[in-house]
C-alpha atoms as a PDB file:
ATOM      1  CA  VAL A   1      -2.060  -4.710 -13.144  1.00  0.00           C
ATOM      2  CA  ALA A   2      -5.077  -3.647 -14.995  1.00  0.00           C
ATOM      3  CA  LYS A   3      -6.985  -4.588 -12.102  1.00  0.00           C
ATOM      4  CA  LEU A   4      -4.904  -2.281  -9.238  1.00  0.00           C
ATOM      5  CA  ARG A   5      -5.012   0.500 -12.254  1.00  0.00           C
ATOM      6  CA  ASP A   6      -9.295   0.401 -12.897  1.00  0.00           C
ATOM      7  CA  ALA A   7      -9.220   0.089  -8.828  1.00  0.00           C
ATOM      8  CA  LEU A   8      -6.414   2.860  -7.784  1.00  0.00           C
ATOM      9  CA  LYS A   9      -7.996   5.262 -10.250  1.00  0.00           C
ATOM     10  CA  ARG A  10     -12.118   4.569  -9.136  1.00  0.00           C
ATOM     11  CA  ALA A  11     -10.517   5.238  -5.808  1.00  0.00           C
ATOM     12  CA  ILE A  12      -8.716   8.229  -6.614  1.00  0.00           C
ATOM     13  CA  GLU A  13     -12.271   9.143  -8.264  1.00  0.00           C
ATOM     14  CA  ARG A  14     -13.572   8.344  -4.445  1.00  0.00           C
ATOM     15  CA  GLY A  15     -11.506  11.771  -3.614  1.00  0.00           C
ATOM     16  CA  GLY A  16     -11.271   9.961   0.439  1.00  0.00           C
ATOM     17  CA  THR A  17      -7.824   8.606   0.945  1.00  0.00           C
ATOM     18  CA  ILE A  18      -6.171   5.168  -0.265  1.00  0.00           C
ATOM     19  CA  LEU A  19      -4.648   3.131   2.268  1.00  0.00           C
ATOM     20  CA  ILE A  20      -2.445  -0.032   1.666  1.00  0.00           C
ATOM     21  CA  PRO A  21      -1.575  -2.240   3.952  1.00  0.00           C
ATOM     22  CA  ALA A  22       1.354  -4.146   3.209  1.00  0.00           C
ATOM     23  CA  PHE A  23       3.797  -5.792   3.937  1.00  0.00           C
ATOM     24  CA  SER A  24       7.501  -4.183   4.221  1.00  0.00           C
ATOM     25  CA  LEU A  25       9.687  -7.252   2.514  1.00  0.00           C
ATOM     26  CA  GLU A  26       8.628  -7.538  -0.961  1.00  0.00           C
ATOM     27  CA  ARG A  27       4.794  -6.355  -1.194  1.00  0.00           C
ATOM     28  CA  THR A  28       5.727  -1.959  -0.615  1.00  0.00           C
ATOM     29  CA  GLN A  29       8.618  -2.326  -3.312  1.00  0.00           C
ATOM     30  CA  LEU A  30       5.871  -4.296  -6.084  1.00  0.00           C
ATOM     31  CA  MET A  31       3.577  -1.643  -5.030  1.00  0.00           C
ATOM     32  CA  LEU A  32       5.718   1.172  -5.480  1.00  0.00           C
ATOM     33  CA  TYR A  33       7.195   0.008  -8.355  1.00  0.00           C
ATOM     34  CA  GLU A  34       2.987  -0.499 -10.015  1.00  0.00           C
ATOM     35  CA  LEU A  35       2.317   3.066  -8.591  1.00  0.00           C
ATOM     36  CA  SER A  36       5.362   4.175 -10.717  1.00  0.00           C
ATOM     37  CA  ASN A  37       5.172   2.910 -13.231  1.00  0.00           C
ATOM     38  CA  PHE A  38       1.216   3.803 -13.658  1.00  0.00           C
ATOM     39  CA  PHE A  39       2.272   7.497 -12.869  1.00  0.00           C
ATOM     40  CA  SER A  40       4.787   7.662 -15.454  1.00  0.00           C
ATOM     41  CA  ALA A  41       1.687   6.350 -17.780  1.00  0.00           C
ATOM     42  CA  LYS A  42      -0.389   9.139 -16.996  1.00  0.00           C
ATOM     43  CA  ASP A  43      -2.894   6.337 -15.782  1.00  0.00           C
ATOM     44  CA  LEU A  44      -3.274   7.654 -12.992  1.00  0.00           C
ATOM     45  CA  PRO A  45      -3.554  11.667 -11.786  1.00  0.00           C
ATOM     46  CA  GLU A  46      -0.941  12.428 -10.171  1.00  0.00           C
ATOM     47  CA  ILE A  47      -1.633  12.567  -5.902  1.00  0.00           C
ATOM     48  CA  PRO A  48       0.354  11.901  -2.859  1.00  0.00           C
ATOM     49  CA  VAL A  49       1.669   8.996  -2.125  1.00  0.00           C
ATOM     50  CA  PHE A  50       2.651   8.290   1.393  1.00  0.00           C
ATOM     51  CA  LEU A  51       5.202   5.144   2.621  1.00  0.00           C
ATOM     52  CA  ASP A  52       4.682   5.197   6.368  1.00  0.00           C
ATOM     53  CA  SER A  53       6.952   2.930   7.381  1.00  0.00           C
ATOM     54  CA  PRO A  54      10.434   3.377   8.186  1.00  0.00           C
ATOM     55  CA  LEU A  55      11.855  -0.623   7.798  1.00  0.00           C
ATOM     56  CA  ALA A  56      10.281  -0.888   4.463  1.00  0.00           C
ATOM     57  CA  ILE A  57      12.291   2.277   3.618  1.00  0.00           C
ATOM     58  CA  LYS A  58      14.552   0.807   4.627  1.00  0.00           C
ATOM     59  CA  VAL A  59      14.571  -3.031   2.930  1.00  0.00           C
ATOM     60  CA  THR A  60      13.515   0.002  -0.033  1.00  0.00           C
ATOM     61  CA  ALA A  61      16.845   0.835   0.081  1.00  0.00           C
ATOM     62  CA  VAL A  62      18.642  -2.342  -0.164  1.00  0.00           C
ATOM     63  CA  TYR A  63      16.391  -3.489  -3.043  1.00  0.00           C
ATOM     64  CA  GLU A  64      17.506  -0.034  -4.417  1.00  0.00           C
ATOM     65  CA  LYS A  65      21.512  -0.515  -4.242  1.00  0.00           C
ATOM     66  CA  TRP A  66      21.824  -4.483  -4.898  1.00  0.00           C
ATOM     67  CA  GLY A  67      18.588  -5.032  -7.821  1.00  0.00           C
ATOM     68  CA  PRO A  68      21.503  -3.594 -10.347  1.00  0.00           C
ATOM     69  CA  THR A  69      22.701  -6.820  -9.462  1.00  0.00           C
ATOM     70  CA  TYR A  70      20.338  -9.591  -8.646  1.00  0.00           C
ATOM     71  CA  PHE A  71      16.889  -8.481 -10.761  1.00  0.00           C
ATOM     72  CA  LYS A  72      16.126  -9.879 -13.848  1.00  0.00           C
ATOM     73  CA  PRO A  73      17.662  -8.389 -16.892  1.00  0.00           C
ATOM     74  CA  GLU A  74      14.476  -5.963 -18.358  1.00  0.00           C
ATOM     75  CA  THR A  75      14.571  -4.325 -14.665  1.00  0.00           C
ATOM     76  CA  GLU A  76      17.716  -3.618 -14.726  1.00  0.00           C
ATOM     77  CA  ASP A  77      17.989  -1.864 -17.651  1.00  0.00           C
ATOM     78  CA  GLU A  78      14.768  -0.067 -16.425  1.00  0.00           C
ATOM     79  CA  MET A  79      16.618   0.975 -13.170  1.00  0.00           C
ATOM     80  CA  LYS A  80      19.778   2.378 -15.371  1.00  0.00           C
ATOM     81  CA  ARG A  81      17.589   4.534 -17.605  1.00  0.00           C
ATOM     82  CA  GLU A  82      15.064   5.439 -15.332  1.00  0.00           C
ATOM     83  CA  GLY A  83      17.742   5.688 -12.255  1.00  0.00           C
ATOM     84  CA  SER A  84      14.853   4.249  -9.782  1.00  0.00           C
ATOM     85  CA  ILE A  85      11.935   1.938 -10.234  1.00  0.00           C
ATOM     86  CA  PHE A  86      10.990   2.802  -7.199  1.00  0.00           C
ATOM     87  CA  GLU A  87      10.319   6.816  -6.622  1.00  0.00           C
ATOM     88  CA  PHE A  88       8.551   9.397  -8.175  1.00  0.00           C
ATOM     89  CA  PRO A  89       8.148  12.790  -7.471  1.00  0.00           C
ATOM     90  CA  PHE A  90       4.941  13.121  -5.038  1.00  0.00           C
ATOM     91  CA  LEU A  91       6.202   9.532  -2.932  1.00  0.00           C
ATOM     92  CA  LYS A  92       6.729  11.349   0.102  1.00  0.00           C
ATOM     93  CA  GLN A  93       8.805   9.086   2.899  1.00  0.00           C
ATOM     94  CA  THR A  94       7.901   9.242   6.491  1.00  0.00           C
ATOM     95  CA  LEU A  95      10.438   7.825   8.453  1.00  0.00           C
ATOM     96  CA  SER A  96       9.831  10.344  12.125  1.00  0.00           C
ATOM     97  CA  ARG A  97       6.736   9.682  14.192  1.00  0.00           C
ATOM     98  CA  GLU A  98       6.650  13.571  12.894  1.00  0.00           C
ATOM     99  CA  ASP A  99       6.530  13.368   9.520  1.00  0.00           C
ATOM    100  CA  SER A 100       3.701  10.457   9.661  1.00  0.00           C
ATOM    101  CA  MET A 101       0.920  12.511  12.218  1.00  0.00           C
ATOM    102  CA  ALA A 102       1.195  14.679   9.650  1.00  0.00           C
ATOM    103  CA  ILE A 103       0.093  12.770   6.429  1.00  0.00           C
ATOM    104  CA  GLU A 104      -3.097  13.638   8.072  1.00  0.00           C
ATOM    105  CA  LYS A 105      -2.974  17.453   7.398  1.00  0.00           C
ATOM    106  CA  VAL A 106      -2.779  16.614   3.580  1.00  0.00           C
ATOM    107  CA  PRO A 107      -6.499  16.470   1.926  1.00  0.00           C
ATOM    108  CA  GLY A 108      -7.162  13.391  -0.719  1.00  0.00           C
ATOM    109  CA  PRO A 109      -7.292  12.219  -2.645  1.00  0.00           C
ATOM    110  CA  LYS A 110      -3.908  10.300  -1.104  1.00  0.00           C
ATOM    111  CA  ILE A 111      -1.962   6.914  -0.790  1.00  0.00           C
ATOM    112  CA  ILE A 112      -0.703   5.783   2.369  1.00  0.00           C
ATOM    113  CA  ILE A 113       0.933   2.372   2.186  1.00  0.00           C
ATOM    114  CA  ALA A 114       2.178   1.334   5.535  1.00  0.00           C
ATOM    115  CA  GLY A 115       2.716  -2.005   7.676  1.00  0.00           C
ATOM    116  CA  ALA A 116       1.739  -4.606   8.523  1.00  0.00           C
ATOM    117  CA  GLY A 117       0.323  -6.240   6.271  1.00  0.00           C
ATOM    118  CA  MET A 118      -2.005  -7.884   7.684  1.00  0.00           C
ATOM    119  CA  SER A 119      -3.495  -5.083   9.958  1.00  0.00           C
ATOM    120  CA  HIS A 120      -2.450  -7.001  12.954  1.00  0.00           C
ATOM    121  CA  GLY A 121       0.012  -3.699  14.247  1.00  0.00           C
ATOM    122  CA  GLY A 122       2.352  -1.250  12.167  1.00  0.00           C
ATOM    123  CA  ARG A 123       1.355   2.273  10.964  1.00  0.00           C
ATOM    124  CA  ILE A 124      -1.133   0.956   9.411  1.00  0.00           C
ATOM    125  CA  GLY A 125      -3.359   0.343  12.515  1.00  0.00           C
ATOM    126  CA  GLY A 126      -3.353   3.654  12.981  1.00  0.00           C
ATOM    127  CA  TRP A 127      -4.317   5.275   9.976  1.00  0.00           C
ATOM    128  CA  GLU A 128      -7.446   2.150   9.440  1.00  0.00           C
ATOM    129  CA  THR A 129      -8.896   3.637  12.613  1.00  0.00           C
ATOM    130  CA  ARG A 130      -8.827   6.846  11.481  1.00  0.00           C
ATOM    131  CA  TYR A 131     -10.170   6.733   7.813  1.00  0.00           C
ATOM    132  CA  LEU A 132     -12.381   3.470   7.891  1.00  0.00           C
ATOM    133  CA  PRO A 133     -15.353   4.621   9.001  1.00  0.00           C
ATOM    134  CA  ASP A 134     -15.354   7.153   6.517  1.00  0.00           C
ATOM    135  CA  PRO A 135     -17.036   5.620   3.339  1.00  0.00           C
ATOM    136  CA  SER A 136     -14.567   8.225   1.106  1.00  0.00           C
ATOM    137  CA  THR A 137     -11.996   5.465   1.784  1.00  0.00           C
ATOM    138  CA  THR A 138     -10.948   2.574   0.421  1.00  0.00           C
ATOM    139  CA  LEU A 139      -8.924   0.031   1.570  1.00  0.00           C
ATOM    140  CA  PHE A 140      -6.471  -1.908  -1.122  1.00  0.00           C
ATOM    141  CA  MET A 141      -5.744  -5.239   0.677  1.00  0.00           C
ATOM    142  CA  VAL A 142      -3.491  -7.223  -1.394  1.00  0.00           C
ATOM    143  CA  GLY A 143      -2.014  -9.453   0.546  1.00  0.00           C
ATOM    144  CA  TYR A 144      -2.356 -13.084   1.780  1.00  0.00           C
ATOM    145  CA  GLN A 145      -4.470 -12.184   5.084  1.00  0.00           C
ATOM    146  CA  ALA A 146      -4.395 -15.367   8.311  1.00  0.00           C
ATOM    147  CA  PRO A 147      -7.317 -16.310   9.781  1.00  0.00           C
ATOM    148  CA  ASN A 148      -8.324 -14.459  12.559  1.00  0.00           C
ATOM    149  CA  THR A 149      -6.217 -11.263  11.397  1.00  0.00           C
ATOM    150  CA  PRO A 150      -7.916  -7.837  11.609  1.00  0.00           C
ATOM    151  CA  GLY A 151      -7.071  -7.972   8.001  1.00  0.00           C
ATOM    152  CA  ARG A 152      -8.945 -10.737   7.817  1.00  0.00           C
ATOM    153  CA  ARG A 153     -12.182  -9.854   9.272  1.00  0.00           C
ATOM    154  CA  ILE A 154     -11.500  -6.260   7.497  1.00  0.00           C
ATOM    155  CA  MET A 155     -11.686  -8.572   3.848  1.00  0.00           C
ATOM    156  CA  GLU A 156     -14.515 -10.693   4.985  1.00  0.00           C
ATOM    157  CA  GLY A 157     -17.145  -8.170   4.792  1.00  0.00           C
ATOM    158  CA  ALA A 158     -16.534  -7.730   9.250  1.00  0.00           C
ATOM    159  CA  PRO A 159     -18.860  -3.971   9.947  1.00  0.00           C
ATOM    160  CA  SER A 160     -15.911  -3.253  11.999  1.00  0.00           C
ATOM    161  CA  VAL A 161     -12.609  -4.995  13.787  1.00  0.00           C
ATOM    162  CA  ARG A 162     -10.651  -4.367  16.554  1.00  0.00           C
ATOM    163  CA  LEU A 163      -7.891  -1.851  16.236  1.00  0.00           C
ATOM    164  CA  ALA A 164      -5.147  -1.208  19.046  1.00  0.00           C
ATOM    165  CA  GLY A 165      -7.928  -1.440  21.849  1.00  0.00           C
ATOM    166  CA  ASN A 166     -10.879   0.183  19.696  1.00  0.00           C
ATOM    167  CA  GLU A 167     -13.991  -1.669  17.661  1.00  0.00           C
ATOM    168  CA  VAL A 168     -13.625   0.542  14.611  1.00  0.00           C
ATOM    169  CA  LYS A 169     -17.013   0.370  12.308  1.00  0.00           C
ATOM    170  CA  ILE A 170     -16.028  -0.152   8.667  1.00  0.00           C
ATOM    171  CA  LYS A 171     -18.107   2.478   5.899  1.00  0.00           C
ATOM    172  CA  ALA A 172     -14.879   2.279   3.521  1.00  0.00           C
ATOM    173  CA  LYS A 173     -15.135   0.962  -0.034  1.00  0.00           C
ATOM    174  CA  ILE A 174     -12.608  -2.985   0.222  1.00  0.00           C
ATOM    175  CA  GLU A 175     -10.698  -3.495  -2.984  1.00  0.00           C
ATOM    176  CA  LYS A 176      -9.476  -7.104  -2.287  1.00  0.00           C
ATOM    177  CA  LEU A 177      -6.952  -8.256  -5.207  1.00  0.00           C
ATOM    178  CA  GLU A 178      -6.297 -11.734  -4.732  1.00  0.00           C
ATOM    179  CA  GLY A 179      -3.304 -11.964  -7.776  1.00  0.00           C
ATOM    180  CA  TRP A 180      -0.845 -10.098  -5.567  1.00  0.00           C
ATOM    181  CA  SER A 181      -0.361 -12.333  -2.708  1.00  0.00           C
ATOM    182  CA  ALA A 182       3.039 -14.211  -2.668  1.00  0.00           C
ATOM    183  CA  HIS A 183       1.928 -17.531  -0.861  1.00  0.00           C
ATOM    184  CA  ALA A 184       1.655 -20.471  -2.976  1.00  0.00           C
ATOM    185  CA  ASP A 185      -1.989 -21.335  -2.954  1.00  0.00           C
ATOM    186  CA  ARG A 186      -3.460 -25.795  -1.891  1.00  0.00           C
ATOM    187  CA  ASP A 187      -2.692 -26.585  -6.663  1.00  0.00           C
ATOM    188  CA  GLN A 188       0.821 -24.468  -6.456  1.00  0.00           C
ATOM    189  CA  LEU A 189       1.670 -26.465  -3.113  1.00  0.00           C
END
């Protein structure tokens, strides 16, 4: 958690856009939970955060509805105290394409969480195409990246990556946070 917080602080100081490709189920909710905690503890300055994934928005609503029944007791208590463990005042959920496109007009720093988690489709591909060539951008790799996916190529330091048929130069800072993957490694297997 401290690595994520410190990397986010550095990224915010850079002043650019922060991109977080995240899977709609579990990884997005984990990122929202951690961001909510960082912001409420004043560990990070309040900047706009966009959840730009219709599926992740819908899945998060399911977490909100059923969380008090299935989460650990301490998380249930936190939900009762705070009302939501995933939301904060400057989080905007963008269900529509128009709302999504309006994100670009918001000056940085800002955080965009969008799918797909391996940068192989979804709205994150458009944001990566737009922002990866910008050296003030920071891309957070918080999930498993399968071989031969754009996310894996980015994580391995490729100078460019093919996204939606376009070759995109990578000048953004890449933050690899390995401990966030839910996949078992060799020792766990």
